[in-house]
């Protein structure tokens, strides 16, 4: 292992042990904020510290095997040790690569909740029906991971499809998983309304934005126009009888956010402002990335909404993620919320690409 990497691991192990000692000290939880910061750092360091400990143990085992070969004259014994030594050296190399991946800088937004937007694209009612299917898929995936979903805006069609949906998804590490879903989702299937059995192709756009807090982006009230109106569609008697829906217009950009599915005008306004902050922060980040260099864009997809990221093919019972060339069968399972089959390979690919880019730096 390179000396700089070994030193870094040593420092991490020492810090990990220090945090464990401080957390177990009497009265450590007396200051909830400080204790929460300790536990958060401890949790972040745990995978690296545990991997470093396993690496050290295997390295010591390899050293013992090398010493045994130097002193033994038993051919059968030496052959057995040499076989174990080859296997352990391969394991050690894999461990070092894994440690390097664990040390890669984390996306500062990974632990955030998200604003998830789904919009029907090309394909009319069929696109709207598939947008509803994606809403169901993300809701079931969120339930599997213990996340909470709340609808902010819902624009439905007469046949049960979704023209537009804005969904708040809250929980630990939501963005770290759902960030791979931004882009154009394509569906190929025979619509129920198709009398001749022809396969139609439709698209749905998904945007996933980390939820921005007020401290990250301050909105100038003078740049906002806030209108109230009566909510439409499902929502219960309270919503339909009062002008509780909110429309916020950001005058400098012309960006408009509507929120109508919370119970009160105040809740709708608060949520609309959060969505607006998230959109503006994403816009600023996109502009910054574009002004820098294309090399900074992730190899698993730029997040450009014009990019087709995935195809759901019903006749062939398969789903293909075009960013990494991954094709899986069992489409209904994916639509029932088994998204980790797609997200895990995407996350792994991102780590590999980041590691490669880091190694290529001069």
Protein backbone atom coordinates (compact mmCIF):
# COMPACT_ATOMS: atom_id res chain seq x y z
CA UNK A 1 0.00 0.00 0.00
CA UNK A 2 1.36 3.47 -0.88
CA UNK A 3 2.65 5.34 2.17
CA UNK A 4 0.28 8.34 1.80
CA UNK A 5 -2.72 5.97 1.72
CA UNK A 6 -1.39 3.99 4.70
CA UNK A 7 -0.93 7.21 6.69
CA UNK A 8 -4.43 8.37 5.84
CA UNK A 9 -5.90 5.08 7.02
CA UNK A 10 -3.89 5.28 10.21
CA UNK A 11 -5.28 8.75 10.90
CA UNK A 12 -8.84 7.56 10.19
CA UNK A 13 -8.51 4.55 12.51
CA UNK A 14 -7.15 6.77 15.27
CA UNK A 15 -9.99 9.27 14.82
CA UNK A 16 -12.55 6.45 14.72
CA UNK A 17 -11.26 5.07 18.02
CA UNK A 18 -11.26 8.56 19.55
CA UNK A 19 -14.88 9.12 18.52
CA UNK A 20 -15.91 5.77 19.99
CA UNK A 21 -14.25 6.68 23.27
CA UNK A 22 -15.86 10.13 23.40
CA UNK A 23 -19.31 8.74 22.59
CA UNK A 24 -19.09 6.19 25.40
CA UNK A 25 -17.87 8.71 27.98
CA UNK A 26 -20.27 9.59 30.84
CA UNK A 27 -22.41 12.57 29.98
CA UNK A 28 -21.57 12.41 26.27
CA UNK A 29 -25.23 12.72 25.34
CA UNK A 30 -25.82 15.75 27.56
CA UNK A 31 -25.35 18.02 24.55
CA UNK A 32 -27.66 16.51 21.89
CA UNK A 33 -26.26 18.62 19.04
CA UNK A 34 -22.63 17.75 19.80
CA UNK A 35 -23.49 14.08 20.34
CA UNK A 36 -25.35 13.98 17.04
CA UNK A 37 -22.29 15.41 15.28
CA UNK A 38 -20.09 12.74 16.90
CA UNK A 39 -22.38 9.89 15.90
CA UNK A 40 -22.68 11.24 12.35
CA UNK A 41 -18.89 11.39 11.92
CA UNK A 42 -18.50 7.96 13.57
CA UNK A 43 -21.02 6.47 11.15
CA UNK A 44 -19.26 8.05 8.15
CA UNK A 45 -15.84 6.74 9.21
CA UNK A 46 -17.03 3.24 10.21
CA UNK A 47 -16.86 1.60 6.73
CA UNK A 48 -13.32 2.89 6.11
CA UNK A 49 -12.08 2.00 9.60
CA UNK A 50 -13.52 -1.51 9.40
CA UNK A 51 -12.04 -2.03 5.92
CA UNK A 52 -8.65 -0.80 7.15
CA UNK A 53 -8.74 -3.22 10.07
CA UNK A 54 -9.57 -6.12 7.76
CA UNK A 55 -6.77 -5.04 5.40
CA UNK A 56 -4.23 -4.95 8.27
CA UNK A 57 -5.29 -8.40 9.47
CA UNK A 58 -4.92 -9.92 6.01
CA UNK A 59 -1.57 -8.17 5.45
CA UNK A 60 -0.30 -9.69 8.73
CA UNK A 61 -1.52 -13.13 7.60
CA UNK A 62 0.35 -12.75 4.30
CA UNK A 63 3.54 -11.77 6.16
CA UNK A 64 3.27 -14.93 8.30
CA UNK A 65 2.82 -17.08 5.18
CA UNK A 66 5.86 -15.49 3.53
CA UNK A 67 7.92 -16.17 6.67
CA UNK A 68 6.71 -19.78 6.74
CA UNK A 69 7.92 -20.34 3.18
CA UNK A 70 11.38 -19.05 4.09
CA UNK A 71 11.83 -21.60 6.88
CA UNK A 72 9.98 -24.68 5.60
CA UNK A 73 11.49 -27.43 3.45
CA UNK A 74 8.28 -29.49 3.22
CA UNK A 75 7.26 -29.42 -0.48
CA UNK A 76 3.62 -30.33 0.10
CA UNK A 77 3.28 -27.77 2.88
CA UNK A 78 4.97 -25.09 0.79
CA UNK A 79 2.66 -25.75 -2.16
CA UNK A 80 -0.39 -25.34 0.07
CA UNK A 81 0.97 -22.11 1.58
CA UNK A 82 1.83 -20.72 -1.85
CA UNK A 83 -1.75 -21.36 -3.03
CA UNK A 84 -3.14 -19.55 0.02
CA UNK A 85 -0.63 -16.76 -0.51
CA UNK A 86 -1.74 -16.20 -4.10
CA UNK A 87 -5.40 -16.06 -3.06
CA UNK A 88 -4.70 -13.70 -0.16
CA UNK A 89 -2.65 -11.34 -2.32
CA UNK A 90 -5.58 -11.12 -4.73
CA UNK A 91 -7.91 -10.43 -1.81
CA UNK A 92 -5.53 -7.76 -0.49
CA UNK A 93 -5.43 -5.99 -3.87
CA UNK A 94 -9.24 -6.03 -4.01
CA UNK A 95 -9.39 -4.67 -0.45
CA UNK A 96 -7.03 -1.81 -1.33
CA UNK A 97 -9.18 -0.87 -4.32
CA UNK A 98 -12.29 -0.95 -2.14
CA UNK A 99 -10.61 1.28 0.45
CA UNK A 100 -9.64 3.78 -2.24
CA UNK A 101 -13.28 3.88 -3.34
CA UNK A 102 -14.46 4.40 0.23
CA UNK A 103 -12.08 7.35 0.51
CA UNK A 104 -13.49 9.09 -2.56
CA UNK A 105 -15.15 12.45 -1.78
CA UNK A 106 -18.84 12.07 -1.08
CA UNK A 107 -21.50 14.12 -2.80
CA UNK A 108 -22.43 16.77 -0.23
CA UNK A 109 -26.09 16.31 -1.15
CA UNK A 110 -26.20 12.53 -0.69
CA UNK A 111 -27.88 12.57 2.71
CA UNK A 112 -30.54 15.09 1.72
CA UNK A 113 -34.22 14.55 1.06
CA UNK A 114 -35.37 15.31 -2.47
CA UNK A 115 -37.97 17.01 -4.61
CA UNK A 116 -38.94 14.48 -7.28
CA UNK A 117 -40.79 15.69 -10.37
CA UNK A 118 -42.47 13.39 -12.89
CA UNK A 119 -43.90 14.72 -16.16
CA UNK A 120 -45.55 12.90 -19.04
CA UNK A 121 -43.66 13.46 -22.29
CA UNK A 122 -44.27 12.17 -25.81
CA UNK A 123 -47.13 9.71 -26.13
CA UNK A 124 -50.24 11.45 -24.86
CA UNK A 125 -52.42 9.44 -22.48
CA UNK A 126 -50.09 6.44 -22.66
CA UNK A 127 -47.22 8.61 -21.37
CA UNK A 128 -49.46 9.91 -18.58
CA UNK A 129 -50.40 6.35 -17.57
CA UNK A 130 -46.74 5.36 -17.42
CA UNK A 131 -45.97 8.48 -15.39
CA UNK A 132 -48.48 7.12 -12.87
CA UNK A 133 -46.63 3.77 -12.95
CA UNK A 134 -43.35 5.53 -12.14
CA UNK A 135 -45.03 7.38 -9.27
CA UNK A 136 -46.14 4.01 -7.91
CA UNK A 137 -42.64 2.55 -8.44
CA UNK A 138 -40.91 5.32 -6.50
CA UNK A 139 -43.52 5.22 -3.74
CA UNK A 140 -43.03 1.47 -3.29
CA UNK A 141 -39.24 1.87 -3.37
CA UNK A 142 -39.47 4.59 -0.72
CA UNK A 143 -41.62 2.32 1.46
CA UNK A 144 -39.01 -0.45 1.20
CA UNK A 145 -36.32 1.93 2.47
CA UNK A 146 -38.45 3.53 5.17
CA UNK A 147 -38.70 6.93 3.50
CA UNK A 148 -41.72 9.22 3.62
CA UNK A 149 -43.46 10.53 0.48
CA UNK A 150 -45.79 13.54 0.29
CA UNK A 151 -47.47 14.88 -2.82
CA UNK A 152 -46.95 18.61 -3.41
CA UNK A 153 -48.58 18.98 -6.82
CA UNK A 154 -50.63 16.47 -8.80
CA UNK A 155 -52.19 17.03 -12.21
CA UNK A 156 -54.11 13.92 -13.28
CA UNK A 157 -55.86 12.91 -16.49
CA UNK A 158 -59.39 11.58 -16.82
CA UNK A 159 -58.13 8.00 -17.35
CA UNK A 160 -56.01 7.90 -14.22
CA UNK A 161 -52.75 9.07 -15.74
CA UNK A 162 -50.44 11.78 -14.46
CA UNK A 163 -49.52 14.85 -16.49
CA UNK A 164 -47.34 16.29 -13.73
CA UNK A 165 -46.41 15.25 -10.21
CA UNK A 166 -44.15 16.92 -7.66
CA UNK A 167 -43.31 14.61 -4.78
CA UNK A 168 -41.34 15.26 -1.62
CA UNK A 169 -39.31 12.21 -0.51
CA UNK A 170 -37.80 12.47 2.96
CA UNK A 171 -35.39 10.18 4.74
CA UNK A 172 -31.74 9.28 5.25
CA UNK A 173 -29.66 9.10 2.08
CA UNK A 174 -32.57 9.68 -0.31
CA UNK A 175 -30.58 11.72 -2.83
CA UNK A 176 -27.69 9.22 -2.81
CA UNK A 177 -30.07 6.64 -4.30
CA UNK A 178 -32.61 8.59 -6.34
CA UNK A 179 -30.14 10.95 -8.04
CA UNK A 180 -29.61 8.30 -10.74
CA UNK A 181 -33.28 8.59 -11.78
CA UNK A 182 -33.05 12.04 -13.41
CA UNK A 183 -33.61 11.88 -17.15
CA UNK A 184 -35.99 10.54 -19.77
CA UNK A 185 -37.63 7.17 -19.12
CA UNK A 186 -38.94 5.41 -22.23
CA UNK A 187 -41.68 2.78 -22.22
CA UNK A 188 -42.48 0.35 -25.03
CA UNK A 189 -45.76 -1.55 -24.73
CA UNK A 190 -49.17 -2.12 -26.28
CA UNK A 191 -51.60 0.41 -24.77
CA UNK A 192 -54.96 -0.83 -23.53
CA UNK A 193 -56.62 1.45 -26.09
CA UNK A 194 -54.67 -0.08 -29.00
CA UNK A 195 -57.04 -2.31 -31.00
CA UNK A 196 -54.49 -3.69 -33.48
CA UNK A 197 -51.88 -4.79 -30.96
CA UNK A 198 -49.22 -2.32 -32.05
CA UNK A 199 -46.38 -1.44 -29.68
CA UNK A 200 -46.24 2.25 -28.80
CA UNK A 201 -43.22 4.16 -27.51
CA UNK A 202 -43.81 6.91 -24.94
CA UNK A 203 -41.59 8.95 -22.65
CA UNK A 204 -41.72 10.34 -19.15
CA UNK A 205 -39.31 12.89 -17.70
CA UNK A 206 -38.05 12.53 -14.14
CA UNK A 207 -36.10 15.22 -12.28
CA UNK A 208 -34.59 14.62 -8.84
CA UNK A 209 -33.33 17.64 -6.91
CA UNK A 210 -31.75 17.72 -3.44
CA UNK A 211 -33.99 19.67 -1.14
CA UNK A 212 -32.45 23.11 -0.57
CA UNK A 213 -32.62 24.72 2.84
CA UNK A 214 -33.07 28.46 3.37
CA UNK A 215 -29.47 28.84 4.53
CA UNK A 216 -28.22 27.51 1.18
CA UNK A 217 -30.18 29.92 -0.98
CA UNK A 218 -31.97 33.01 0.28
CA UNK A 219 -34.96 34.23 -1.71
CA UNK A 220 -35.50 37.98 -1.96
CA UNK A 221 -39.22 38.62 -1.24
CA UNK A 222 -39.12 41.53 -3.73
CA UNK A 223 -38.35 39.02 -6.49
CA UNK A 224 -41.37 36.84 -5.71
CA UNK A 225 -45.00 37.07 -6.75
CA UNK A 226 -47.24 34.90 -4.60
CA UNK A 227 -50.80 34.15 -5.71
CA UNK A 228 -53.50 32.08 -4.02
CA UNK A 229 -56.15 30.09 -5.83
CA UNK A 230 -58.62 27.29 -5.20
CA UNK A 231 -57.14 23.83 -5.51
CA UNK A 232 -58.55 21.48 -8.12
CA UNK A 233 -58.81 17.71 -8.25
CA UNK A 234 -58.63 15.25 -5.39
CA UNK A 235 -57.75 16.58 -1.99
CA UNK A 236 -60.78 16.45 0.26
CA UNK A 237 -63.48 18.91 1.23
CA UNK A 238 -61.12 21.27 3.08
CA UNK A 239 -58.96 21.87 0.04
CA UNK A 240 -61.83 22.28 -2.39
CA UNK A 241 -63.68 24.87 -0.26
CA UNK A 242 -60.78 27.24 0.39
CA UNK A 243 -58.25 29.14 -1.70
CA UNK A 244 -55.37 27.30 -0.07
CA UNK A 245 -53.33 26.56 -3.19
CA UNK A 246 -50.23 28.69 -3.75
CA UNK A 247 -48.46 29.80 -6.91
CA UNK A 248 -45.00 31.34 -6.49
CA UNK A 249 -43.37 33.10 -9.43
CA UNK A 250 -39.66 33.93 -9.32
CA UNK A 251 -39.61 37.15 -11.33
CA UNK A 252 -35.92 37.20 -12.40
CA UNK A 253 -36.11 33.73 -13.98
CA UNK A 254 -39.84 33.37 -14.65
CA UNK A 255 -39.78 30.08 -12.75
CA UNK A 256 -43.23 29.10 -11.42
CA UNK A 257 -44.04 26.64 -8.63
CA UNK A 258 -47.54 25.62 -7.60
CA UNK A 259 -48.40 23.66 -4.47
CA UNK A 260 -51.94 22.65 -3.57
CA UNK A 261 -51.92 19.28 -1.85
CA UNK A 262 -50.94 20.33 1.68
CA UNK A 263 -53.70 21.01 4.19
CA UNK A 264 -53.23 24.73 4.67
CA UNK A 265 -52.22 27.80 2.73
CA UNK A 266 -49.20 28.25 5.00
CA UNK A 267 -48.03 24.67 4.40
CA UNK A 268 -48.45 25.05 0.64
CA UNK A 269 -46.50 28.31 0.64
CA UNK A 270 -43.68 26.87 2.73
CA UNK A 271 -43.44 23.83 0.49
CA UNK A 272 -43.59 25.88 -2.73
CA UNK A 273 -40.69 28.04 -1.53
CA UNK A 274 -38.66 24.91 -0.73
CA UNK A 275 -39.28 23.53 -4.21
CA UNK A 276 -38.34 26.88 -5.75
CA UNK A 277 -35.08 26.97 -3.77
CA UNK A 278 -34.27 23.44 -4.90
CA UNK A 279 -34.88 24.28 -8.56
CA UNK A 280 -32.83 27.48 -8.39
CA UNK A 281 -29.98 25.71 -6.59
CA UNK A 282 -30.00 22.96 -9.21
CA UNK A 283 -29.96 25.60 -11.96
CA UNK A 284 -26.98 27.34 -10.37
CA UNK A 285 -25.13 24.04 -10.04
CA UNK A 286 -25.87 23.13 -13.68
CA UNK A 287 -24.56 26.50 -14.84
CA UNK A 288 -21.41 26.06 -12.76
CA UNK A 289 -20.79 22.58 -14.15
CA UNK A 290 -21.26 23.80 -17.72
CA UNK A 291 -18.87 26.69 -17.15
CA UNK A 292 -16.22 24.31 -15.85
CA UNK A 293 -15.28 21.29 -17.94
CA UNK A 294 -17.23 18.39 -19.44
CA UNK A 295 -14.85 16.04 -17.65
CA UNK A 296 -16.57 16.93 -14.40
CA UNK A 297 -19.82 15.37 -15.58
CA UNK A 298 -20.55 11.91 -14.18
CA UNK A 299 -20.20 8.98 -16.53
CA UNK A 300 -23.52 7.62 -15.30
CA UNK A 301 -25.46 10.43 -16.88
CA UNK A 302 -25.30 14.18 -16.98
CA UNK A 303 -28.81 14.63 -15.59
CA UNK A 304 -29.81 16.42 -18.80
CA UNK A 305 -33.55 15.93 -19.16
CA UNK A 306 -33.18 15.33 -22.90
CA UNK A 307 -31.09 12.25 -22.19
CA UNK A 308 -32.81 8.87 -22.50
CA UNK A 309 -31.53 6.97 -19.51
CA UNK A 310 -33.75 3.88 -19.39
CA UNK A 311 -36.16 1.81 -21.47
CA UNK A 312 -38.96 -0.34 -20.04
CA UNK A 313 -39.88 -2.93 -22.69
CA UNK A 314 -43.05 -4.80 -21.75
CA UNK A 315 -43.26 -7.29 -24.69
CA UNK A 316 -39.75 -8.56 -23.87
CA UNK A 317 -40.17 -8.24 -20.07
CA UNK A 318 -36.93 -6.30 -19.72
CA UNK A 319 -35.59 -2.98 -18.53
CA UNK A 320 -32.38 -1.48 -19.94
CA UNK A 321 -30.31 1.29 -18.41
CA UNK A 322 -28.51 2.87 -21.34
CA UNK A 323 -25.87 4.67 -19.27
CA UNK A 324 -24.08 1.47 -18.28
CA UNK A 325 -25.58 -0.94 -20.82
CA UNK A 326 -27.35 -2.96 -18.13
CA UNK A 327 -30.34 -5.11 -19.14
CA UNK A 328 -32.49 -6.96 -16.60
CA UNK A 329 -35.54 -9.16 -16.95
CA UNK A 330 -38.44 -9.23 -14.53
CA UNK A 331 -39.78 -5.78 -15.41
CA UNK A 332 -42.78 -5.98 -13.09
CA UNK A 333 -40.51 -6.49 -10.10
CA UNK A 334 -38.73 -3.23 -10.90
CA UNK A 335 -42.06 -1.42 -11.24
CA UNK A 336 -43.06 -2.91 -7.87
CA UNK A 337 -40.18 -1.04 -6.23
CA UNK A 338 -37.21 -3.40 -6.66
CA UNK A 339 -35.05 -0.52 -7.91
CA UNK A 340 -31.85 -1.54 -6.11
CA UNK A 341 -31.20 -4.00 -8.96
CA UNK A 342 -30.61 -0.94 -11.13
CA UNK A 343 -29.33 1.61 -8.63
CA UNK A 344 -26.59 -0.57 -7.08
CA UNK A 345 -24.76 -1.08 -10.42
CA UNK A 346 -25.13 2.62 -11.25
CA UNK A 347 -23.64 3.61 -7.89
CA UNK A 348 -20.79 1.14 -8.32
CA UNK A 349 -20.07 2.45 -11.82
CA UNK A 350 -19.96 6.01 -10.51
CA UNK A 351 -17.42 5.03 -7.84
CA UNK A 352 -15.25 3.26 -10.41
CA UNK A 353 -15.30 6.27 -12.73
CA UNK A 354 -14.45 8.64 -9.89
CA UNK A 355 -11.53 6.42 -8.86
CA UNK A 356 -10.30 6.29 -12.45
CA UNK A 357 -10.51 10.05 -12.78
CA UNK A 358 -8.61 10.48 -9.52
CA UNK A 359 -5.84 8.13 -10.69
CA UNK A 360 -5.52 10.04 -13.95
CA UNK A 361 -4.94 13.36 -12.20
CA UNK A 362 -1.36 14.58 -12.68
